Amino acid sequence: MKVITGGSGFLGVEIAKKLVERNEKVKVYDIAKSPDLPKEVNFVKGDVRDKDFLIEAFKGADTVFHLVGIMPQSKMPHPEMRKINIGGTRNVLEACAEREVKRVVYLSSSEVYGILEEIPCPETALKAPIGEYGHNKVSCELICHEFAKSHGLEISILRPTSIVGPRNWEETVNILLGQIKNNGVIPLPGRGRTRWQVSHVSDVANAAILASEKKEAIGEAFNVGCDGEVPTMWELAHAVKEHASSNVKIVSLNEKITLGLLKALGTVKISPVEPDHLLLFEYDFVLDVSKTKSVLGWKPEFKTIEAFIDTYEWYVKTH
C-alpha cells in the first residue's frame, strides 16, 4: 500500500491519481479530504503532529510519499511552521521506522539553494536558503539522512521548482493568470529579464513515483523542473499572452525601486511577495535536471511555457 501524507494537496492528488491508474492501493493522510481525489483512495483524516495516529495509519504501507509542508504564503507564524514542517517530518519518519516502511519519498524544494551558485544548478550545489520555508526544508533533508543512517530507511528526496498545472492553488500564479484572462496588467521589475524554470505537476508526480521504485534513487536527491530552454519572465508573459489572445499590458518597473519597496514591506510582514520569491526578479533560477533523467529514467513532458499554457487553460475553464 502507498500512503501519501498531504495527499489532498495539489501534488498529492496528482500522485494519487497516477497510482490508482496503476491499480495500486492508496491511502491519503491529511487534515481534509480533497473532492478531486479518486474514489478508490482510502482517506484518513489526521495531522502529522500526531505521531501515534501516523503509526496507526501507516499499518500495511510499503511506501510513504511525505508531501506535508506549510508554505510561506500561508502567513503562519514561524514557530508553528516548524512544528509541522520539521516536527511533522520527524514524526512521519519515526512512524515509518516503527512500521518498517520500505521506501520513503520526501518532497523538499528548490528553495534549499537560495541564490543559485551556478546555472543550471546541480544537486551538489551549496544549500543557502533565504526564507523560513527553505530553512525548514534543509532541516528536513538532514532528518531524512539521520533516519536513513540510524534506521536504515530507504529515502529519496525531490527538489522541484515552483509547481504549476491544473488545480494549481498558488495565489501569485493565479493572480497573473487572472490578469491575462481579464486583460489586466502584469508588472515585471527590470523588464522581466531573469529566467524562471517551473515544474509541471504531472512531471513532478512521475518523478516521485519513479523515485519510489528505483533502487538507484535510494539515498539520493533529485532536482525537478521543466525540460528544454528556460524563458525570461518577459518572454514567458508574452508567450501566454499570445496564446490567450489577450490584451493584458505587460509593464516594466524600475528594478531597484520596486524590489526595495517589496523588501521594505517584507520587514513589516505586509509584502505580497515572500523573500524567496523576490530572488526570481533578481537572479536566473534554472536547475540541472540531468541526474533525474539519467538515474530515474524520468522524461519530463513539459517545457516552462507549455506548463504555464496548460495551467492557463485550466484556469480559464474553472474561473
C-alpha atoms as a PDB file:
ATOM      1  CA  MET A   1       0.000   0.000   0.000  1.00  0.00           C
ATOM      2  CA  LYS A   2       1.122   3.530  -0.830  1.00  0.00           C
ATOM      3  CA  VAL A   3       0.471   6.308   1.695  1.00  0.00           C
ATOM      4  CA  ILE A   4       0.553   9.993   0.752  1.00  0.00           C
ATOM      5  CA  THR A   5       0.799  12.479   3.621  1.00  0.00           C
ATOM      6  CA  GLY A   6      -0.650  15.775   2.461  1.00  0.00           C
ATOM      7  CA  GLY A   7      -2.341  13.831  -0.313  1.00  0.00           C
ATOM      8  CA  SER A   8      -5.248  16.272  -0.615  1.00  0.00           C
ATOM      9  CA  GLY A   9      -2.892  18.932  -1.918  1.00  0.00           C
ATOM     10  CA  PHE A  10      -2.104  19.942  -5.473  1.00  0.00           C
ATOM     11  CA  LEU A  11       0.687  17.390  -5.986  1.00  0.00           C
ATOM     12  CA  GLY A  12      -0.776  14.732  -3.695  1.00  0.00           C
ATOM     13  CA  VAL A  13      -3.946  14.423  -5.769  1.00  0.00           C
ATOM     14  CA  GLU A  14      -1.862  14.014  -8.933  1.00  0.00           C
ATOM     15  CA  ILE A  15       0.273  11.249  -7.397  1.00  0.00           C
ATOM     16  CA  ALA A  16      -2.841   9.524  -6.051  1.00  0.00           C
ATOM     17  CA  LYS A  17      -4.481   9.548  -9.482  1.00  0.00           C
ATOM     18  CA  LYS A  18      -1.413   8.105 -11.185  1.00  0.00           C
ATOM     19  CA  LEU A  19      -1.057   5.365  -8.571  1.00  0.00           C
ATOM     20  CA  VAL A  20      -4.745   4.435  -8.820  1.00  0.00           C
ATOM     21  CA  GLU A  21      -4.389   4.201 -12.603  1.00  0.00           C
ATOM     22  CA  ARG A  22      -1.703   1.574 -11.925  1.00  0.00           C
ATOM     23  CA  ASN A  23      -4.122  -0.343  -9.670  1.00  0.00           C
ATOM     24  CA  GLU A  24      -2.113   0.460  -6.534  1.00  0.00           C
ATOM     25  CA  LYS A  25      -3.790   0.577  -3.134  1.00  0.00           C
ATOM     26  CA  VAL A  26      -3.573   4.207  -1.990  1.00  0.00           C
ATOM     27  CA  LYS A  27      -4.206   5.852   1.360  1.00  0.00           C
ATOM     28  CA  VAL A  28      -4.210   9.633   1.783  1.00  0.00           C
ATOM     29  CA  TYR A  29      -3.421  11.108   5.196  1.00  0.00           C
ATOM     30  CA  ASP A  30      -4.413  14.775   5.509  1.00  0.00           C
ATOM     31  CA  ILE A  31      -6.390  17.211   7.639  1.00  0.00           C
ATOM     32  CA  ALA A  32      -9.133  17.477   4.986  1.00  0.00           C
ATOM     33  CA  LYS A  33     -10.300  15.430   2.007  1.00  0.00           C
ATOM     34  CA  SER A  34      -9.975  16.874  -1.478  1.00  0.00           C
ATOM     35  CA  PRO A  35     -13.007  16.397  -3.756  1.00  0.00           C
ATOM     36  CA  ASP A  36     -10.523  15.722  -6.566  1.00  0.00           C
ATOM     37  CA  LEU A  37      -9.202  12.504  -5.018  1.00  0.00           C
ATOM     38  CA  PRO A  38     -10.160   9.296  -6.870  1.00  0.00           C
ATOM     39  CA  LYS A  39     -12.980   7.358  -5.213  1.00  0.00           C
ATOM     40  CA  GLU A  40     -10.672   4.353  -4.883  1.00  0.00           C
ATOM     41  CA  VAL A  41      -8.445   6.198  -2.397  1.00  0.00           C
ATOM     42  CA  ASN A  42      -8.745   5.392   1.299  1.00  0.00           C
ATOM     43  CA  PHE A  43      -8.793   8.748   3.070  1.00  0.00           C
ATOM     44  CA  VAL A  44      -7.700   9.112   6.692  1.00  0.00           C
ATOM     45  CA  LYS A  45      -8.119  12.437   8.453  1.00  0.00           C
ATOM     46  CA  GLY A  46      -5.051  13.165  10.547  1.00  0.00           C
ATOM     47  CA  ASP A  47      -2.329  15.628  11.497  1.00  0.00           C
ATOM     48  CA  VAL A  48       1.404  14.944  11.128  1.00  0.00           C
ATOM     49  CA  ARG A  49       1.882  16.325  14.627  1.00  0.00           C
ATOM     50  CA  ASP A  50       0.104  13.205  15.936  1.00  0.00           C
ATOM     51  CA  LYS A  51       2.808  10.531  15.828  1.00  0.00           C
ATOM     52  CA  ASP A  52       0.686   7.785  17.375  1.00  0.00           C
ATOM     53  CA  PHE A  53      -2.024   8.248  14.760  1.00  0.00           C
ATOM     54  CA  LEU A  54       0.602   8.234  11.999  1.00  0.00           C
ATOM     55  CA  ILE A  55       1.882   4.885  13.263  1.00  0.00           C
ATOM     56  CA  GLU A  56      -1.660   3.525  13.106  1.00  0.00           C
ATOM     57  CA  ALA A  57      -2.272   4.985   9.626  1.00  0.00           C
ATOM     58  CA  PHE A  58       0.951   3.510   8.211  1.00  0.00           C
ATOM     59  CA  LYS A  59      -0.025  -0.071   9.047  1.00  0.00           C
ATOM     60  CA  GLY A  60       0.494  -2.182   5.918  1.00  0.00           C
ATOM     61  CA  ALA A  61       2.327   0.580   4.000  1.00  0.00           C
ATOM     62  CA  ASP A  62       5.342  -0.297   1.856  1.00  0.00           C
ATOM     63  CA  THR A  63       5.874   3.263   0.548  1.00  0.00           C
ATOM     64  CA  VAL A  64       5.219   6.711   2.005  1.00  0.00           C
ATOM     65  CA  PHE A  65       5.229   9.917  -0.042  1.00  0.00           C
ATOM     66  CA  HIS A  66       5.684  12.700   2.509  1.00  0.00           C
ATOM     67  CA  LEU A  67       4.323  15.899   0.994  1.00  0.00           C
ATOM     68  CA  VAL A  68       3.071  17.867   4.009  1.00  0.00           C
ATOM     69  CA  GLY A  69       4.637  21.307   4.108  1.00  0.00           C
ATOM     70  CA  ILE A  70       3.335  24.675   5.253  1.00  0.00           C
ATOM     71  CA  MET A  71       4.484  27.244   2.706  1.00  0.00           C
ATOM     72  CA  PRO A  72       5.291  30.907   3.419  1.00  0.00           C
ATOM     73  CA  GLN A  73       2.168  32.055   1.566  1.00  0.00           C
ATOM     74  CA  SER A  74       0.141  30.710   4.487  1.00  0.00           C
ATOM     75  CA  LYS A  75       1.492  33.533   6.707  1.00  0.00           C
ATOM     76  CA  MET A  76       1.651  31.033   9.572  1.00  0.00           C
ATOM     77  CA  PRO A  77       3.949  32.087  12.430  1.00  0.00           C
ATOM     78  CA  HIS A  78       7.390  30.531  12.013  1.00  0.00           C
ATOM     79  CA  PRO A  79       7.355  28.510  15.245  1.00  0.00           C
ATOM     80  CA  GLU A  80       4.124  26.810  14.153  1.00  0.00           C
ATOM     81  CA  MET A  81       5.530  26.224  10.654  1.00  0.00           C
ATOM     82  CA  ARG A  82       8.500  24.453  12.185  1.00  0.00           C
ATOM     83  CA  LYS A  83       6.258  22.234  14.319  1.00  0.00           C
ATOM     84  CA  ILE A  84       4.506  20.998  11.178  1.00  0.00           C
ATOM     85  CA  ASN A  85       7.304  21.060   8.617  1.00  0.00           C
ATOM     86  CA  ILE A  86      10.196  19.854  10.767  1.00  0.00           C
ATOM     87  CA  GLY A  87       8.477  18.187  13.719  1.00  0.00           C
ATOM     88  CA  GLY A  88       5.914  16.598  11.404  1.00  0.00           C
ATOM     89  CA  THR A  89       8.652  15.166   9.181  1.00  0.00           C
ATOM     90  CA  ARG A  90      10.380  13.621  12.180  1.00  0.00           C
ATOM     91  CA  ASN A  91       7.073  12.099  13.264  1.00  0.00           C
ATOM     92  CA  VAL A  92       6.450  10.676   9.796  1.00  0.00           C
ATOM     93  CA  LEU A  93       9.898   9.080   9.658  1.00  0.00           C
ATOM     94  CA  GLU A  94       9.570   7.680  13.177  1.00  0.00           C
ATOM     95  CA  ALA A  95       6.236   6.148  12.154  1.00  0.00           C
ATOM     96  CA  CYS A  96       7.868   4.724   9.014  1.00  0.00           C
ATOM     97  CA  ALA A  97      10.608   3.153  11.125  1.00  0.00           C
ATOM     98  CA  GLU A  98       8.054   1.747  13.567  1.00  0.00           C
ATOM     99  CA  ARG A  99       6.025   0.177  10.742  1.00  0.00           C
ATOM    100  CA  GLU A 100       9.133  -0.915   8.785  1.00  0.00           C
ATOM    101  CA  VAL A 101       8.021   1.000   5.694  1.00  0.00           C
ATOM    102  CA  LYS A 102      10.268   0.016   2.809  1.00  0.00           C
ATOM    103  CA  ARG A 103      10.560   3.279   0.846  1.00  0.00           C
ATOM    104  CA  VAL A 104      10.065   6.986   1.581  1.00  0.00           C
ATOM    105  CA  VAL A 105       9.967   9.848  -0.904  1.00  0.00           C
ATOM    106  CA  TYR A 106      10.352  13.249   0.736  1.00  0.00           C
ATOM    107  CA  LEU A 107       9.233  16.355  -1.118  1.00  0.00           C
ATOM    108  CA  SER A 108      11.801  19.060  -0.453  1.00  0.00           C
ATOM    109  CA  SER A 109      12.131  22.227  -2.556  1.00  0.00           C
ATOM    110  CA  SER A 110      14.478  24.113  -4.858  1.00  0.00           C
ATOM    111  CA  GLU A 111      14.330  26.862  -2.212  1.00  0.00           C
ATOM    112  CA  VAL A 112      17.039  24.977  -0.290  1.00  0.00           C
ATOM    113  CA  TYR A 113      19.558  26.540  -2.703  1.00  0.00           C
ATOM    114  CA  GLY A 114      18.734  30.215  -2.177  1.00  0.00           C
ATOM    115  CA  ILE A 115      20.693  32.211  -4.782  1.00  0.00           C
ATOM    116  CA  LEU A 116      21.987  29.632  -7.258  1.00  0.00           C
ATOM    117  CA  GLU A 117      25.784  29.418  -7.270  1.00  0.00           C
ATOM    118  CA  GLU A 118      25.803  28.110 -10.843  1.00  0.00           C
ATOM    119  CA  ILE A 119      23.342  27.891 -13.745  1.00  0.00           C
ATOM    120  CA  PRO A 120      21.948  25.340 -14.307  1.00  0.00           C
ATOM    121  CA  CYS A 121      22.191  24.340 -10.643  1.00  0.00           C
ATOM    122  CA  PRO A 122      23.131  20.718  -9.799  1.00  0.00           C
ATOM    123  CA  GLU A 123      22.085  18.783  -6.693  1.00  0.00           C
ATOM    124  CA  THR A 124      25.612  19.144  -5.284  1.00  0.00           C
ATOM    125  CA  ALA A 125      25.349  22.944  -5.069  1.00  0.00           C
ATOM    126  CA  LEU A 126      25.631  24.818  -1.800  1.00  0.00           C
ATOM    127  CA  LYS A 127      22.386  24.978   0.177  1.00  0.00           C
ATOM    128  CA  ALA A 128      21.908  28.561   1.404  1.00  0.00           C
ATOM    129  CA  PRO A 129      18.161  29.228   1.762  1.00  0.00           C
ATOM    130  CA  ILE A 130      16.838  32.748   2.247  1.00  0.00           C
ATOM    131  CA  GLY A 131      13.436  32.312   3.904  1.00  0.00           C
ATOM    132  CA  GLU A 132      11.944  30.219   6.696  1.00  0.00           C
ATOM    133  CA  TYR A 133      10.452  27.660   4.314  1.00  0.00           C
ATOM    134  CA  GLY A 134      13.798  26.940   2.672  1.00  0.00           C
ATOM    135  CA  HIS A 135      15.470  26.608   6.073  1.00  0.00           C
ATOM    136  CA  ASN A 136      12.729  24.160   7.120  1.00  0.00           C
ATOM    137  CA  LYS A 137      13.399  22.048   4.048  1.00  0.00           C
ATOM    138  CA  VAL A 138      17.149  21.918   4.700  1.00  0.00           C
ATOM    139  CA  SER A 139      16.444  20.765   8.262  1.00  0.00           C
ATOM    140  CA  CYS A 140      14.062  18.093   6.991  1.00  0.00           C
ATOM    141  CA  GLU A 141      16.613  16.801   4.494  1.00  0.00           C
ATOM    142  CA  LEU A 142      19.096  16.414   7.353  1.00  0.00           C
ATOM    143  CA  ILE A 143      16.472  14.491   9.331  1.00  0.00           C
ATOM    144  CA  CYS A 144      15.973  12.214   6.321  1.00  0.00           C
ATOM    145  CA  HIS A 145      19.710  11.455   6.239  1.00  0.00           C
ATOM    146  CA  GLU A 146      19.640  10.877  10.001  1.00  0.00           C
ATOM    147  CA  PHE A 147      16.875   8.262   9.734  1.00  0.00           C
ATOM    148  CA  ALA A 148      18.470   6.606   6.728  1.00  0.00           C
ATOM    149  CA  LYS A 149      21.603   6.094   8.795  1.00  0.00           C
ATOM    150  CA  SER A 150      20.027   5.226  12.155  1.00  0.00           C
ATOM    151  CA  HIS A 151      17.033   3.165  10.992  1.00  0.00           C
ATOM    152  CA  GLY A 152      18.009   2.031   7.505  1.00  0.00           C
ATOM    153  CA  LEU A 153      15.088   3.841   5.853  1.00  0.00           C
ATOM    154  CA  GLU A 154      15.364   3.917   2.064  1.00  0.00           C
ATOM    155  CA  ILE A 155      14.702   7.583   1.378  1.00  0.00           C
ATOM    156  CA  SER A 156      14.766   9.666  -1.796  1.00  0.00           C
ATOM    157  CA  ILE A 157      14.454  13.464  -1.874  1.00  0.00           C
ATOM    158  CA  LEU A 158      12.892  15.610  -4.602  1.00  0.00           C
ATOM    159  CA  ARG A 159      13.649  19.310  -5.045  1.00  0.00           C
ATOM    160  CA  PRO A 160      11.109  20.727  -7.511  1.00  0.00           C
ATOM    161  CA  THR A 161      10.959  24.296  -8.709  1.00  0.00           C
ATOM    162  CA  SER A 162       7.614  26.149  -8.429  1.00  0.00           C
ATOM    163  CA  ILE A 163       4.892  23.677  -9.412  1.00  0.00           C
ATOM    164  CA  VAL A 164       2.174  24.691 -11.871  1.00  0.00           C
ATOM    165  CA  GLY A 165      -0.539  22.814 -13.751  1.00  0.00           C
ATOM    166  CA  PRO A 166      -4.260  22.030 -13.384  1.00  0.00           C
ATOM    167  CA  ARG A 167      -5.674  22.573  -9.867  1.00  0.00           C
ATOM    168  CA  ASN A 168      -2.836  24.957  -9.050  1.00  0.00           C
ATOM    169  CA  TRP A 169      -3.727  26.783  -5.824  1.00  0.00           C
ATOM    170  CA  GLU A 170      -0.775  29.199  -5.613  1.00  0.00           C
ATOM    171  CA  GLU A 171      -2.238  32.675  -5.292  1.00  0.00           C
ATOM    172  CA  THR A 172       0.503  34.598  -7.107  1.00  0.00           C
ATOM    173  CA  VAL A 173       0.317  32.354 -10.193  1.00  0.00           C
ATOM    174  CA  ASN A 174      -3.476  32.568 -10.276  1.00  0.00           C
ATOM    175  CA  ILE A 175      -3.372  36.363  -9.975  1.00  0.00           C
ATOM    176  CA  LEU A 176      -1.077  36.529 -13.014  1.00  0.00           C
ATOM    177  CA  LEU A 177      -3.327  34.181 -14.988  1.00  0.00           C
ATOM    178  CA  GLY A 178      -6.345  36.251 -13.986  1.00  0.00           C
ATOM    179  CA  GLN A 179      -4.698  39.399 -15.295  1.00  0.00           C
ATOM    180  CA  ILE A 180      -4.115  37.691 -18.650  1.00  0.00           C
ATOM    181  CA  LYS A 181      -7.674  36.355 -18.836  1.00  0.00           C
ATOM    182  CA  ASN A 182      -9.224  39.701 -17.904  1.00  0.00           C
ATOM    183  CA  ASN A 183      -6.934  41.942 -19.981  1.00  0.00           C
ATOM    184  CA  GLY A 184      -5.359  43.464 -16.894  1.00  0.00           C
ATOM    185  CA  VAL A 185      -1.784  44.442 -16.076  1.00  0.00           C
ATOM    186  CA  ILE A 186       1.309  42.350 -15.283  1.00  0.00           C
ATOM    187  CA  PRO A 187       4.122  44.373 -13.653  1.00  0.00           C
ATOM    188  CA  LEU A 188       7.629  42.994 -14.171  1.00  0.00           C
ATOM    189  CA  PRO A 189      10.610  44.519 -12.324  1.00  0.00           C
ATOM    190  CA  GLY A 190      13.616  45.062 -14.576  1.00  0.00           C
ATOM    191  CA  ARG A 191      11.705  44.166 -17.755  1.00  0.00           C
ATOM    192  CA  GLY A 192      11.410  40.568 -16.538  1.00  0.00           C
ATOM    193  CA  ARG A 193      14.992  39.875 -17.628  1.00  0.00           C
ATOM    194  CA  THR A 194      15.508  36.852 -15.362  1.00  0.00           C
ATOM    195  CA  ARG A 195      14.830  33.257 -16.401  1.00  0.00           C
ATOM    196  CA  TRP A 196      12.304  31.251 -14.382  1.00  0.00           C
ATOM    197  CA  GLN A 197      12.068  27.485 -14.658  1.00  0.00           C
ATOM    198  CA  VAL A 198       8.924  25.904 -13.223  1.00  0.00           C
ATOM    199  CA  SER A 199       7.745  22.293 -12.848  1.00  0.00           C
ATOM    200  CA  HIS A 200       4.526  20.779 -14.172  1.00  0.00           C
ATOM    201  CA  VAL A 201       2.576  18.844 -11.556  1.00  0.00           C
ATOM    202  CA  SER A 202       2.330  15.755 -13.781  1.00  0.00           C
ATOM    203  CA  ASP A 203       6.102  15.657 -14.278  1.00  0.00           C
ATOM    204  CA  VAL A 204       6.747  16.020 -10.537  1.00  0.00           C
ATOM    205  CA  ALA A 205       4.302  13.203  -9.766  1.00  0.00           C
ATOM    206  CA  ASN A 206       6.017  10.946 -12.291  1.00  0.00           C
ATOM    207  CA  ALA A 207       9.421  11.731 -10.759  1.00  0.00           C
ATOM    208  CA  ALA A 208       8.110  10.929  -7.266  1.00  0.00           C
ATOM    209  CA  ILE A 209       6.754   7.549  -8.346  1.00  0.00           C
ATOM    210  CA  LEU A 210       9.970   6.657 -10.173  1.00  0.00           C
ATOM    211  CA  ALA A 211      11.998   7.661  -7.107  1.00  0.00           C
ATOM    212  CA  SER A 212       9.903   5.272  -5.003  1.00  0.00           C
ATOM    213  CA  GLU A 213      10.698   2.381  -7.318  1.00  0.00           C
ATOM    214  CA  LYS A 214      14.285   2.771  -8.499  1.00  0.00           C
ATOM    215  CA  LYS A 215      16.965   1.157  -6.359  1.00  0.00           C
ATOM    216  CA  GLU A 216      19.424   3.739  -7.672  1.00  0.00           C
ATOM    217  CA  ALA A 217      17.293   6.506  -6.122  1.00  0.00           C
ATOM    218  CA  ILE A 218      17.874   5.389  -2.528  1.00  0.00           C
ATOM    219  CA  GLY A 219      19.789   7.993  -0.547  1.00  0.00           C
ATOM    220  CA  GLU A 220      19.780  10.479  -3.435  1.00  0.00           C
ATOM    221  CA  ALA A 221      18.331  13.951  -4.012  1.00  0.00           C
ATOM    222  CA  PHE A 222      16.869  14.937  -7.369  1.00  0.00           C
ATOM    223  CA  ASN A 223      16.133  18.302  -8.967  1.00  0.00           C
ATOM    224  CA  VAL A 224      12.813  18.516 -10.792  1.00  0.00           C
ATOM    225  CA  GLY A 225      11.937  21.184 -13.341  1.00  0.00           C
ATOM    226  CA  CYS A 226      10.647  21.645 -16.860  1.00  0.00           C
ATOM    227  CA  ASP A 227      12.929  20.493 -19.651  1.00  0.00           C
ATOM    228  CA  GLY A 228      14.384  22.488 -22.531  1.00  0.00           C
ATOM    229  CA  GLU A 229      15.160  26.174 -22.897  1.00  0.00           C
ATOM    230  CA  VAL A 230      14.049  28.353 -19.992  1.00  0.00           C
ATOM    231  CA  PRO A 231      12.453  31.687 -20.988  1.00  0.00           C
ATOM    232  CA  THR A 232      12.807  35.019 -19.246  1.00  0.00           C
ATOM    233  CA  MET A 233       9.769  36.235 -17.354  1.00  0.00           C
ATOM    234  CA  TRP A 234       9.199  38.759 -20.136  1.00  0.00           C
ATOM    235  CA  GLU A 235       9.238  36.020 -22.784  1.00  0.00           C
ATOM    236  CA  LEU A 236       7.001  33.795 -20.655  1.00  0.00           C
ATOM    237  CA  ALA A 237       4.401  36.505 -20.071  1.00  0.00           C
ATOM    238  CA  HIS A 238       4.279  37.392 -23.777  1.00  0.00           C
ATOM    239  CA  ALA A 239       4.017  33.729 -24.820  1.00  0.00           C
ATOM    240  CA  VAL A 240       0.978  33.139 -22.595  1.00  0.00           C
ATOM    241  CA  LYS A 241      -0.494  36.499 -23.683  1.00  0.00           C
ATOM    242  CA  GLU A 242      -0.176  35.488 -27.329  1.00  0.00           C
ATOM    243  CA  HIS A 243      -1.684  32.044 -26.685  1.00  0.00           C
ATOM    244  CA  ALA A 244      -4.630  33.614 -24.877  1.00  0.00           C
ATOM    245  CA  SER A 245      -5.123  36.358 -27.484  1.00  0.00           C
ATOM    246  CA  SER A 246      -5.169  38.693 -24.505  1.00  0.00           C
ATOM    247  CA  ASN A 247      -4.815  42.474 -24.352  1.00  0.00           C
ATOM    248  CA  VAL A 248      -3.061  42.322 -20.980  1.00  0.00           C
ATOM    249  CA  LYS A 249      -0.486  45.091 -20.506  1.00  0.00           C
ATOM    250  CA  ILE A 250       2.979  43.837 -19.523  1.00  0.00           C
ATOM    251  CA  VAL A 251       4.649  46.751 -17.761  1.00  0.00           C
ATOM    252  CA  SER A 252       8.343  47.111 -16.940  1.00  0.00           C
ATOM    253  CA  LEU A 253       9.088  48.544 -13.492  1.00  0.00           C
ATOM    254  CA  ASN A 254      12.293  50.034 -12.155  1.00  0.00           C
ATOM    255  CA  GLU A 255      14.000  47.048 -10.582  1.00  0.00           C
ATOM    256  CA  LYS A 256      15.810  48.767  -7.706  1.00  0.00           C
ATOM    257  CA  ILE A 257      12.829  50.849  -6.610  1.00  0.00           C
ATOM    258  CA  THR A 258      10.310  48.000  -6.876  1.00  0.00           C
ATOM    259  CA  LEU A 259      12.444  45.400  -5.099  1.00  0.00           C
ATOM    260  CA  GLY A 260      13.443  47.931  -2.453  1.00  0.00           C
ATOM    261  CA  LEU A 261       9.776  48.670  -1.745  1.00  0.00           C
ATOM    262  CA  LEU A 262       8.837  44.973  -1.599  1.00  0.00           C
ATOM    263  CA  LYS A 263      11.744  44.192   0.727  1.00  0.00           C
ATOM    264  CA  ALA A 264      10.754  47.094   2.995  1.00  0.00           C
ATOM    265  CA  LEU A 265       7.171  45.836   3.114  1.00  0.00           C
ATOM    266  CA  GLY A 266       8.547  42.382   3.895  1.00  0.00           C
ATOM    267  CA  THR A 267      10.270  43.640   7.030  1.00  0.00           C
ATOM    268  CA  VAL A 268       6.863  44.615   8.429  1.00  0.00           C
ATOM    269  CA  LYS A 269       5.284  41.433   7.037  1.00  0.00           C
ATOM    270  CA  ILE A 270       2.849  43.066   4.627  1.00  0.00           C
ATOM    271  CA  SER A 271       4.650  42.335   1.349  1.00  0.00           C
ATOM    272  CA  PRO A 272       2.585  40.375  -1.204  1.00  0.00           C
ATOM    273  CA  VAL A 273       5.780  38.550  -2.213  1.00  0.00           C
ATOM    274  CA  GLU A 274       7.878  36.274   0.005  1.00  0.00           C
ATOM    275  CA  PRO A 275      11.664  36.873   0.394  1.00  0.00           C
ATOM    276  CA  ASP A 276      12.444  33.663  -1.509  1.00  0.00           C
ATOM    277  CA  HIS A 277      10.280  34.772  -4.420  1.00  0.00           C
ATOM    278  CA  LEU A 278      11.956  38.169  -4.725  1.00  0.00           C
ATOM    279  CA  LEU A 279      15.055  36.299  -5.891  1.00  0.00           C
ATOM    280  CA  LEU A 280      13.194  35.389  -9.082  1.00  0.00           C
ATOM    281  CA  PHE A 281      13.235  39.061 -10.119  1.00  0.00           C
ATOM    282  CA  GLU A 282      16.973  39.435  -9.452  1.00  0.00           C
ATOM    283  CA  TYR A 283      18.567  36.155 -10.488  1.00  0.00           C
ATOM    284  CA  ASP A 284      18.056  33.399 -13.035  1.00  0.00           C
ATOM    285  CA  PHE A 285      16.521  30.289 -11.487  1.00  0.00           C
ATOM    286  CA  VAL A 286      17.318  27.202 -13.535  1.00  0.00           C
ATOM    287  CA  LEU A 287      18.054  23.738 -12.162  1.00  0.00           C
ATOM    288  CA  ASP A 288      20.072  20.973 -13.778  1.00  0.00           C
ATOM    289  CA  VAL A 289      17.694  18.002 -14.161  1.00  0.00           C
ATOM    290  CA  SER A 290      20.107  15.701 -15.990  1.00  0.00           C
ATOM    291  CA  LYS A 291      20.657  13.479 -12.935  1.00  0.00           C
ATOM    292  CA  THR A 292      16.917  12.982 -12.518  1.00  0.00           C
ATOM    293  CA  LYS A 293      16.604  11.950 -16.152  1.00  0.00           C
ATOM    294  CA  SER A 294      19.601   9.627 -16.180  1.00  0.00           C
ATOM    295  CA  VAL A 295      19.159   7.932 -12.789  1.00  0.00           C
ATOM    296  CA  LEU A 296      15.365   7.694 -12.679  1.00  0.00           C
ATOM    297  CA  GLY A 297      14.743   7.345 -16.388  1.00  0.00           C
ATOM    298  CA  TRP A 298      12.453  10.366 -15.995  1.00  0.00           C
ATOM    299  CA  LYS A 299      11.161  12.034 -19.157  1.00  0.00           C
ATOM    300  CA  PRO A 300       9.539  15.404 -18.440  1.00  0.00           C
ATOM    301  CA  GLU A 301       6.682  16.164 -20.814  1.00  0.00           C
ATOM    302  CA  PHE A 302       6.565  19.933 -20.389  1.00  0.00           C
ATOM    303  CA  LYS A 303       8.736  22.943 -21.091  1.00  0.00           C
ATOM    304  CA  THR A 304       8.168  26.036 -18.968  1.00  0.00           C
ATOM    305  CA  ILE A 305       5.987  27.922 -21.474  1.00  0.00           C
ATOM    306  CA  GLU A 306       3.937  24.778 -22.195  1.00  0.00           C
ATOM    307  CA  ALA A 307       3.432  24.229 -18.455  1.00  0.00           C
ATOM    308  CA  PHE A 308       2.100  27.763 -17.992  1.00  0.00           C
ATOM    309  CA  ILE A 309      -0.179  27.486 -21.005  1.00  0.00           C
ATOM    310  CA  ASP A 310      -1.592  24.225 -19.637  1.00  0.00           C
ATOM    311  CA  THR A 311      -2.196  25.974 -16.307  1.00  0.00           C
ATOM    312  CA  TYR A 312      -3.850  28.903 -18.069  1.00  0.00           C
ATOM    313  CA  GLU A 313      -6.232  26.594 -19.940  1.00  0.00           C
ATOM    314  CA  TRP A 314      -7.287  25.023 -16.638  1.00  0.00           C
ATOM    315  CA  TYR A 315      -7.700  28.470 -15.089  1.00  0.00           C
ATOM    316  CA  VAL A 316      -9.979  29.685 -17.884  1.00  0.00           C
ATOM    317  CA  LYS A 317     -12.204  26.602 -17.522  1.00  0.00           C
ATOM    318  CA  THR A 318     -12.543  26.908 -13.757  1.00  0.00           C
ATOM    319  CA  HIS A 319     -12.629  30.671 -13.050  1.00  0.00           C
END
